Amino acid sequence: MGEPLNLGIVGCGAISAQYLRTIDRLPQVRLVAVADLDPERAQAAVRPYRRPGQDIDVLSVAELMADARIDAVLNLTVPAAHAEIALLAVAAGKDVYCEKPLAATGADARRVLEAARAAGTRVGCAPDTVLGTGTQTARQAIDDGLIGRPVAATATMVTPGHERWHPNPDFYYVPGGGPLLDMGPYYVSSLVTLLGPVATVIGAAGRPRAKRTIGSGPRQGEEIPVTVDTHVTGVLVHASGALSTLVMSFDAVATRAPNIEVHGERGSLVVPDPNRFDGEVLLTRLGDDGSSPLPVSAGYADAGRGVGLIDLAEGREPRAGGTLAFHVLDVMESLLASAHSGRSVDVRSTCERPGPVPLGRPAAQD
């Protein structure tokens, strides 16, 4: 293995803890510096990961972008800042890996990809959960023909809303938020990984409540406005001809539906939660009395958020990449446009189905 990828992180909020745990055990990646609007928060975030002789600097965003040691920037800012930080990284000649979504709007995401293409830098983007054993084992089962030709899928995510547990949930209920743009990237990325890109969408959406009440923290009891759709449903017509039915809701209490099911002419798969890296894949073949678990056969085992950085570190175009993330965002925006217009909408972008991940561990385990 060659020299590790020198990484700088912008944004040290709650999600950074998950990335830092993963980065700490990836020999392919070396964390050099972090930046945050709150330097004390940045110091606290990286303190557990400092090693003798290997310091992690706390810098301003401008200092981090100008640091010649840094090869790539991990962008963990809020969605509204994703494009701004990504463009700064690209302008500095650095690769960039973004927390999802790639940008708050498709127009901004396109700017990021065009700038990176012109600069010769690479763009990766979460979710990288699709690289784990759950989605990858299901993908291999489909590729091996265990369910025959895929014809349909369902994807379901329902919750009463994040304001019940999040002390500052405002960003979930403004443009760039809502159940589709918040959780949809996991589900749509998984569907594209399993069934290929989407060509057309048909959608419907609702917004039953104009306000939400914060349920925890110092702002408990405060009402916040809702300015986005909080229940979105629709059909994704894949280029392959398969039809995926999607339900994303912050308005429902619970469901017994699997997170994702894929149906073929000769069998059906239950696919694990795409917000996780692992989970059991269940196969029911035509004529079976019930389902059977499939052995884990592909994907990163014992993975965590940030394993998508491995492709950047090893010199490959990332499988959790910018083109996939842009297509997923385009699909979601097209679904909302369809819901508001009452007509089907053609998805203007497309992407290659990401390459498979062979079974293995992202790093040597202690």
Protein backbone atom coordinates (compact mmCIF):
# COMPACT_ATOMS: atom_id res chain seq x y z
CA MET A 1 0.00 0.00 0.00
CA GLY A 2 1.29 3.48 -0.84
CA GLU A 3 1.09 6.67 1.18
CA PRO A 4 -2.28 7.22 2.88
CA LEU A 5 -4.76 9.85 1.73
CA ASN A 6 -4.22 13.00 3.79
CA LEU A 7 -7.66 14.20 4.84
CA GLY A 8 -9.13 17.43 6.16
CA ILE A 9 -12.63 17.56 7.63
CA VAL A 10 -14.91 20.60 7.48
CA GLY A 11 -17.77 20.36 9.98
CA CYS A 12 -17.52 18.65 13.38
CA GLY A 13 -21.19 18.24 14.27
CA ALA A 14 -22.88 15.08 15.50
CA ILE A 15 -22.32 13.01 12.35
CA SER A 16 -18.56 13.59 12.51
CA ALA A 17 -18.22 11.15 15.43
CA GLN A 18 -19.26 8.23 13.20
CA TYR A 19 -16.83 9.23 10.46
CA LEU A 20 -13.98 9.75 12.91
CA ARG A 21 -14.41 6.26 14.35
CA THR A 22 -14.14 4.77 10.87
CA ILE A 23 -11.24 6.94 9.72
CA ASP A 24 -9.31 6.02 12.85
CA ARG A 25 -9.16 2.39 11.70
CA LEU A 26 -8.52 2.96 7.99
CA PRO A 27 -4.80 2.63 7.23
CA GLN A 28 -5.53 4.10 3.80
CA VAL A 29 -6.54 7.47 5.33
CA ARG A 30 -4.65 9.90 7.60
CA LEU A 31 -6.58 12.73 9.27
CA VAL A 32 -4.45 15.89 9.15
CA ALA A 33 -6.77 18.74 10.11
CA VAL A 34 -10.33 19.77 10.90
CA ALA A 35 -12.31 23.00 10.70
CA ASP A 36 -15.58 24.06 12.26
CA LEU A 37 -17.44 27.30 12.98
CA ASP A 38 -16.88 26.42 16.66
CA PRO A 39 -13.15 25.67 17.20
CA GLU A 40 -13.85 24.26 20.67
CA ARG A 41 -16.26 21.74 19.17
CA ALA A 42 -13.59 20.77 16.63
CA GLN A 43 -11.02 20.31 19.39
CA ALA A 44 -13.40 18.11 21.37
CA ALA A 45 -14.29 16.02 18.32
CA VAL A 46 -10.70 15.06 17.46
CA ARG A 47 -9.24 14.83 20.96
CA PRO A 48 -9.84 11.04 21.28
CA TYR A 49 -8.08 10.43 17.95
CA ARG A 50 -4.80 12.25 18.51
CA ARG A 51 -1.80 9.95 18.71
CA PRO A 52 1.76 10.59 19.93
CA GLY A 53 3.68 12.13 17.06
CA GLN A 54 0.57 12.52 14.92
CA ASP A 55 -1.27 15.70 15.75
CA ILE A 56 -4.55 16.81 14.15
CA ASP A 57 -4.64 20.55 13.54
CA VAL A 58 -7.71 22.69 14.14
CA LEU A 59 -7.78 25.29 11.38
CA SER A 60 -10.10 27.81 9.81
CA VAL A 61 -11.82 26.74 6.59
CA ALA A 62 -9.55 29.02 4.58
CA GLU A 63 -6.44 27.61 6.26
CA LEU A 64 -7.58 24.04 5.66
CA MET A 65 -8.22 24.70 1.97
CA ALA A 66 -4.79 26.30 1.60
CA ASP A 67 -2.97 23.47 3.41
CA ALA A 68 -0.79 21.74 0.82
CA ARG A 69 -0.61 18.57 2.92
CA ILE A 70 -4.30 17.83 2.42
CA ASP A 71 -5.28 15.66 -0.54
CA ALA A 72 -9.03 15.47 0.07
CA VAL A 73 -11.73 17.28 2.04
CA LEU A 74 -14.48 15.46 3.91
CA ASN A 75 -17.46 17.84 3.84
CA LEU A 76 -19.67 17.29 6.91
CA THR A 77 -21.37 20.67 6.96
CA VAL A 78 -25.16 21.19 6.87
CA PRO A 79 -26.77 20.53 3.45
CA ALA A 80 -27.13 24.24 2.66
CA ALA A 81 -23.33 24.61 2.84
CA HIS A 82 -22.38 21.43 0.95
CA ALA A 83 -21.94 23.08 -2.44
CA GLU A 84 -20.01 26.08 -1.09
CA ILE A 85 -17.47 23.94 0.76
CA ALA A 86 -17.17 21.43 -2.08
CA LEU A 87 -16.47 24.21 -4.57
CA LEU A 88 -13.79 25.66 -2.29
CA ALA A 89 -12.12 22.25 -2.06
CA VAL A 90 -12.22 21.73 -5.81
CA ALA A 91 -10.84 25.23 -6.42
CA ALA A 92 -7.96 24.31 -4.11
CA GLY A 93 -7.24 21.24 -6.25
CA LYS A 94 -8.46 18.75 -3.67
CA ASP A 95 -10.76 15.77 -4.00
CA VAL A 96 -13.95 16.11 -1.98
CA TYR A 97 -16.24 13.63 -0.26
CA CYS A 98 -19.60 15.02 0.91
CA GLU A 99 -22.12 13.92 3.45
CA LYS A 100 -25.47 13.46 1.68
CA PRO A 101 -27.00 15.10 -0.23
CA LEU A 102 -24.30 16.29 -2.63
CA ALA A 103 -25.92 19.75 -2.50
CA ALA A 104 -29.20 21.29 -1.42
CA THR A 105 -30.30 21.61 -5.05
CA GLY A 106 -29.59 19.82 -8.28
CA ALA A 107 -28.34 23.06 -9.82
CA ASP A 108 -25.71 23.43 -7.10
CA ALA A 109 -24.74 19.76 -7.37
CA ARG A 110 -24.22 20.18 -11.11
CA ARG A 111 -21.91 23.14 -10.43
CA VAL A 112 -19.81 20.98 -8.11
CA LEU A 113 -19.46 18.18 -10.67
CA GLU A 114 -18.66 20.57 -13.52
CA ALA A 115 -16.03 22.38 -11.45
CA ALA A 116 -14.44 19.07 -10.40
CA ARG A 117 -14.39 17.84 -13.99
CA ALA A 118 -12.64 21.03 -15.10
CA ALA A 119 -10.16 20.86 -12.22
CA GLY A 120 -9.44 17.15 -12.60
CA THR A 121 -10.49 16.34 -9.03
CA ARG A 122 -12.79 13.57 -7.87
CA VAL A 123 -16.10 13.80 -6.00
CA GLY A 124 -17.45 11.19 -3.61
CA CYS A 125 -20.67 11.38 -1.65
CA ALA A 126 -22.59 9.54 1.03
CA PRO A 127 -24.41 7.34 1.57
CA ASP A 128 -21.70 4.69 1.49
CA THR A 129 -23.97 2.29 3.36
CA VAL A 130 -24.62 0.71 -0.06
CA LEU A 131 -21.02 -0.59 0.07
CA GLY A 132 -21.76 -2.76 3.11
CA THR A 133 -22.66 -6.44 3.21
CA GLY A 134 -26.42 -5.86 3.30
CA THR A 135 -27.03 -4.11 -0.01
CA GLN A 136 -24.04 -5.78 -1.70
CA THR A 137 -25.20 -9.32 -0.81
CA ALA A 138 -28.63 -8.48 -2.23
CA ARG A 139 -27.02 -7.03 -5.34
CA GLN A 140 -25.00 -10.20 -5.90
CA ALA A 141 -28.14 -12.34 -5.48
CA ILE A 142 -29.83 -10.30 -8.21
CA ASP A 143 -26.77 -10.46 -10.46
CA ASP A 144 -26.55 -14.23 -9.93
CA GLY A 145 -30.15 -14.60 -11.13
CA LEU A 146 -31.57 -15.93 -7.86
CA ILE A 147 -34.86 -14.04 -8.38
CA GLY A 148 -34.89 -14.11 -12.18
CA ARG A 149 -35.48 -10.88 -14.06
CA PRO A 150 -36.22 -8.06 -11.56
CA VAL A 151 -39.61 -6.49 -12.21
CA ALA A 152 -40.42 -4.36 -9.14
CA ALA A 153 -39.26 -3.09 -5.76
CA THR A 154 -40.76 -1.33 -2.75
CA ALA A 155 -38.94 1.06 -0.42
CA THR A 156 -40.59 2.28 2.78
CA MET A 157 -39.41 4.68 5.50
CA VAL A 158 -41.91 6.07 8.00
CA THR A 159 -41.36 7.90 11.28
CA PRO A 160 -43.44 10.40 13.29
CA GLY A 161 -40.74 13.01 12.74
CA HIS A 162 -37.27 13.87 13.98
CA GLU A 163 -38.48 16.72 16.18
CA ARG A 164 -39.42 14.14 18.80
CA TRP A 165 -35.74 13.43 19.58
CA HIS A 166 -33.61 16.08 17.86
CA PRO A 167 -33.06 19.23 19.98
CA ASN A 168 -32.62 21.46 16.88
CA PRO A 169 -34.73 19.88 14.13
CA ASP A 170 -35.42 23.04 12.13
CA PHE A 171 -33.34 22.01 9.09
CA TYR A 172 -35.48 18.88 8.61
CA TYR A 173 -38.47 21.08 7.77
CA VAL A 174 -36.99 23.66 5.39
CA PRO A 175 -36.01 23.29 1.71
CA GLY A 176 -33.27 20.70 1.46
CA GLY A 177 -34.93 18.70 4.24
CA GLY A 178 -38.10 16.66 4.58
CA PRO A 179 -38.23 12.87 4.59
CA LEU A 180 -37.33 12.52 0.92
CA LEU A 181 -34.16 14.60 0.87
CA ASP A 182 -33.16 13.52 4.39
CA MET A 183 -33.67 9.75 4.17
CA GLY A 184 -34.32 9.28 0.46
CA PRO A 185 -30.62 9.23 -0.50
CA TYR A 186 -30.18 5.93 1.38
CA TYR A 187 -33.17 4.30 -0.28
CA VAL A 188 -32.76 5.68 -3.80
CA SER A 189 -28.99 4.97 -3.79
CA SER A 190 -29.76 1.39 -2.80
CA LEU A 191 -32.43 1.02 -5.49
CA VAL A 192 -30.04 2.35 -8.15
CA THR A 193 -27.31 0.00 -6.89
CA LEU A 194 -29.71 -2.93 -7.10
CA LEU A 195 -31.70 -2.08 -10.24
CA GLY A 196 -29.82 0.62 -12.12
CA PRO A 197 -30.64 4.26 -12.92
CA VAL A 198 -34.11 5.78 -13.01
CA ALA A 199 -35.64 7.17 -16.22
CA THR A 200 -39.07 8.50 -15.17
CA VAL A 201 -40.91 9.25 -11.91
CA ILE A 202 -44.53 9.69 -10.88
CA GLY A 203 -45.10 11.29 -7.48
CA ALA A 204 -47.56 12.60 -4.91
CA ALA A 205 -46.89 14.44 -1.66
CA GLY A 206 -48.58 15.97 1.37
CA ARG A 207 -47.93 18.36 4.27
CA PRO A 208 -50.54 17.62 6.94
CA ARG A 209 -49.08 19.87 9.66
CA ALA A 210 -47.93 23.46 9.34
CA LYS A 211 -45.92 23.33 12.60
CA ARG A 212 -43.94 20.80 14.64
CA THR A 213 -43.23 20.84 18.39
CA ILE A 214 -39.69 20.15 19.61
CA GLY A 215 -39.76 17.25 22.05
CA SER A 216 -36.35 17.40 23.74
CA GLY A 217 -33.50 19.66 24.77
CA PRO A 218 -33.47 23.31 25.83
CA ARG A 219 -36.06 24.25 23.18
CA GLN A 220 -38.56 21.56 24.23
CA GLY A 221 -42.11 22.75 23.57
CA GLU A 222 -41.09 25.34 20.95
CA GLU A 223 -43.03 25.20 17.69
CA ILE A 224 -41.21 25.39 14.37
CA PRO A 225 -42.72 25.97 10.91
CA VAL A 226 -42.94 23.24 8.27
CA THR A 227 -42.14 24.50 4.76
CA VAL A 228 -41.57 21.19 2.93
CA ASP A 229 -43.64 18.11 2.11
CA THR A 230 -43.52 15.60 4.95
CA HIS A 231 -45.11 12.58 3.21
CA VAL A 232 -43.87 11.71 -0.27
CA THR A 233 -44.78 8.67 -2.32
CA GLY A 234 -44.28 7.67 -5.92
CA VAL A 235 -43.11 5.23 -8.55
CA LEU A 236 -39.60 5.18 -10.00
CA VAL A 237 -39.42 3.72 -13.51
CA HIS A 238 -35.91 2.33 -13.89
CA ALA A 239 -34.21 2.35 -17.29
CA SER A 240 -34.28 -1.45 -17.06
CA GLY A 241 -38.09 -1.37 -16.94
CA ALA A 242 -38.33 -2.34 -13.26
CA LEU A 243 -40.76 -0.28 -11.17
CA SER A 244 -39.90 0.84 -7.62
CA THR A 245 -42.60 2.15 -5.28
CA LEU A 246 -41.24 4.63 -2.74
CA VAL A 247 -42.85 5.89 0.50
CA MET A 248 -40.97 8.45 2.63
CA SER A 249 -42.85 9.94 5.59
CA PHE A 250 -42.42 12.07 8.71
CA ASP A 251 -46.16 11.67 9.35
CA ALA A 252 -46.67 7.96 10.11
CA VAL A 253 -46.18 6.21 13.43
CA ALA A 254 -44.90 2.80 12.34
CA THR A 255 -44.90 0.17 9.61
CA ARG A 256 -44.40 -3.58 9.32
CA ALA A 257 -43.21 -3.26 5.72
CA PRO A 258 -39.59 -4.21 5.00
CA ASN A 259 -37.32 -1.27 4.29
CA ILE A 260 -36.75 -2.61 0.77
CA GLU A 261 -38.10 -5.59 -1.15
CA VAL A 262 -37.06 -6.58 -4.67
CA HIS A 263 -39.34 -8.85 -6.73
CA GLY A 264 -38.31 -10.90 -9.73
CA GLU A 265 -40.05 -13.40 -11.96
CA ARG A 266 -38.73 -16.35 -9.91
CA GLY A 267 -38.26 -14.96 -6.43
CA SER A 268 -38.29 -12.04 -3.99
CA LEU A 269 -35.65 -10.50 -1.73
CA VAL A 270 -36.00 -8.64 1.54
CA VAL A 271 -33.10 -6.16 1.62
CA PRO A 272 -31.79 -4.75 4.92
CA ASP A 273 -32.21 -1.17 6.10
CA PRO A 274 -30.18 0.97 3.66
CA ASN A 275 -29.29 3.30 6.52
CA ARG A 276 -27.11 0.46 7.84
CA PHE A 277 -24.13 -1.33 6.34
CA ASP A 278 -25.15 -4.86 7.30
CA GLY A 279 -28.29 -6.90 7.94
CA GLU A 280 -29.89 -10.12 6.80
CA VAL A 281 -30.97 -10.65 3.20
CA LEU A 282 -33.97 -12.97 2.89
CA LEU A 283 -34.80 -14.92 -0.29
CA THR A 284 -38.16 -16.48 -1.17
CA ARG A 285 -38.10 -18.53 -4.36
CA LEU A 286 -41.13 -19.35 -6.44
CA GLY A 287 -42.77 -22.39 -4.80
CA ASP A 288 -41.07 -21.95 -1.40
CA ASP A 289 -43.17 -22.08 1.76
CA GLY A 290 -41.15 -19.27 3.34
CA SER A 291 -38.01 -17.20 3.13
CA SER A 292 -34.43 -18.22 3.86
CA PRO A 293 -31.47 -16.02 4.83
CA LEU A 294 -28.66 -15.74 2.31
CA PRO A 295 -25.04 -16.07 3.43
CA VAL A 296 -23.08 -12.84 3.34
CA SER A 297 -21.35 -12.87 -0.03
CA ALA A 298 -20.25 -9.33 -0.89
CA GLY A 299 -19.52 -5.90 0.54
CA TYR A 300 -17.44 -4.38 3.31
CA ALA A 301 -17.89 -6.26 6.59
CA ASP A 302 -17.85 -4.34 9.90
CA ALA A 303 -18.03 -1.08 7.96
CA GLY A 304 -18.90 2.40 9.19
CA ARG A 305 -19.59 5.81 7.68
CA GLY A 306 -16.56 6.91 5.73
CA VAL A 307 -15.62 3.64 4.02
CA GLY A 308 -16.44 5.37 0.75
CA LEU A 309 -13.16 7.25 1.22
CA ILE A 310 -11.24 4.03 0.51
CA ASP A 311 -11.83 4.34 -3.23
CA LEU A 312 -10.37 7.86 -3.19
CA ALA A 313 -7.40 6.66 -1.15
CA GLU A 314 -6.73 3.78 -3.52
CA GLY A 315 -6.92 5.95 -6.63
CA ARG A 316 -10.28 4.74 -7.97
CA GLU A 317 -13.30 6.70 -9.03
CA PRO A 318 -15.49 6.36 -5.93
CA ARG A 319 -18.38 3.88 -6.10
CA ALA A 320 -20.17 6.16 -3.65
CA GLY A 321 -19.51 8.87 -6.19
CA GLY A 322 -20.65 12.29 -7.25
CA THR A 323 -22.35 11.13 -10.45
CA LEU A 324 -24.47 8.62 -8.52
CA ALA A 325 -25.25 11.23 -5.84
CA PHE A 326 -26.28 13.77 -8.50
CA HIS A 327 -28.55 11.24 -10.18
CA VAL A 328 -30.15 10.35 -6.82
CA LEU A 329 -30.74 14.03 -6.07
CA ASP A 330 -32.16 14.51 -9.57
CA VAL A 331 -34.54 11.57 -9.03
CA MET A 332 -35.76 13.06 -5.74
CA GLU A 333 -36.23 16.56 -7.14
CA SER A 334 -38.04 15.10 -10.15
CA LEU A 335 -40.33 13.15 -7.83
CA LEU A 336 -41.25 16.33 -5.95
CA ALA A 337 -41.78 18.16 -9.25
CA SER A 338 -44.10 15.37 -10.36
CA ALA A 339 -45.99 15.52 -7.07
CA HIS A 340 -46.58 19.25 -7.46
CA SER A 341 -47.47 19.14 -11.16
CA GLY A 342 -49.59 15.99 -11.14
CA ARG A 343 -47.70 14.64 -14.16
CA SER A 344 -44.91 12.14 -14.70
CA VAL A 345 -41.45 13.67 -15.03
CA ASP A 346 -38.51 12.35 -17.03
CA VAL A 347 -35.26 12.27 -15.04
CA ARG A 348 -32.74 14.19 -17.11
CA SER A 349 -29.60 12.66 -15.61
CA THR A 350 -28.38 9.09 -15.55
CA CYS A 351 -25.40 7.21 -14.15
CA GLU A 352 -23.62 3.91 -14.39
CA ARG A 353 -24.72 1.31 -11.91
CA PRO A 354 -21.89 1.38 -9.32
CA GLY A 355 -19.45 -1.52 -9.45
CA PRO A 356 -19.80 -4.36 -6.94
CA VAL A 357 -17.77 -4.57 -3.72
CA PRO A 358 -16.09 -7.94 -3.10
CA LEU A 359 -16.49 -9.40 0.37
CA GLY A 360 -13.81 -8.13 2.72
CA ARG A 361 -13.04 -5.85 5.62
CA PRO A 362 -12.30 -2.16 5.04
CA ALA A 363 -9.27 -2.35 7.35
CA ALA A 364 -7.37 -4.82 9.45
CA GLN A 365 -9.14 -5.28 12.75
CA ASP A 366 -7.41 -5.16 16.12
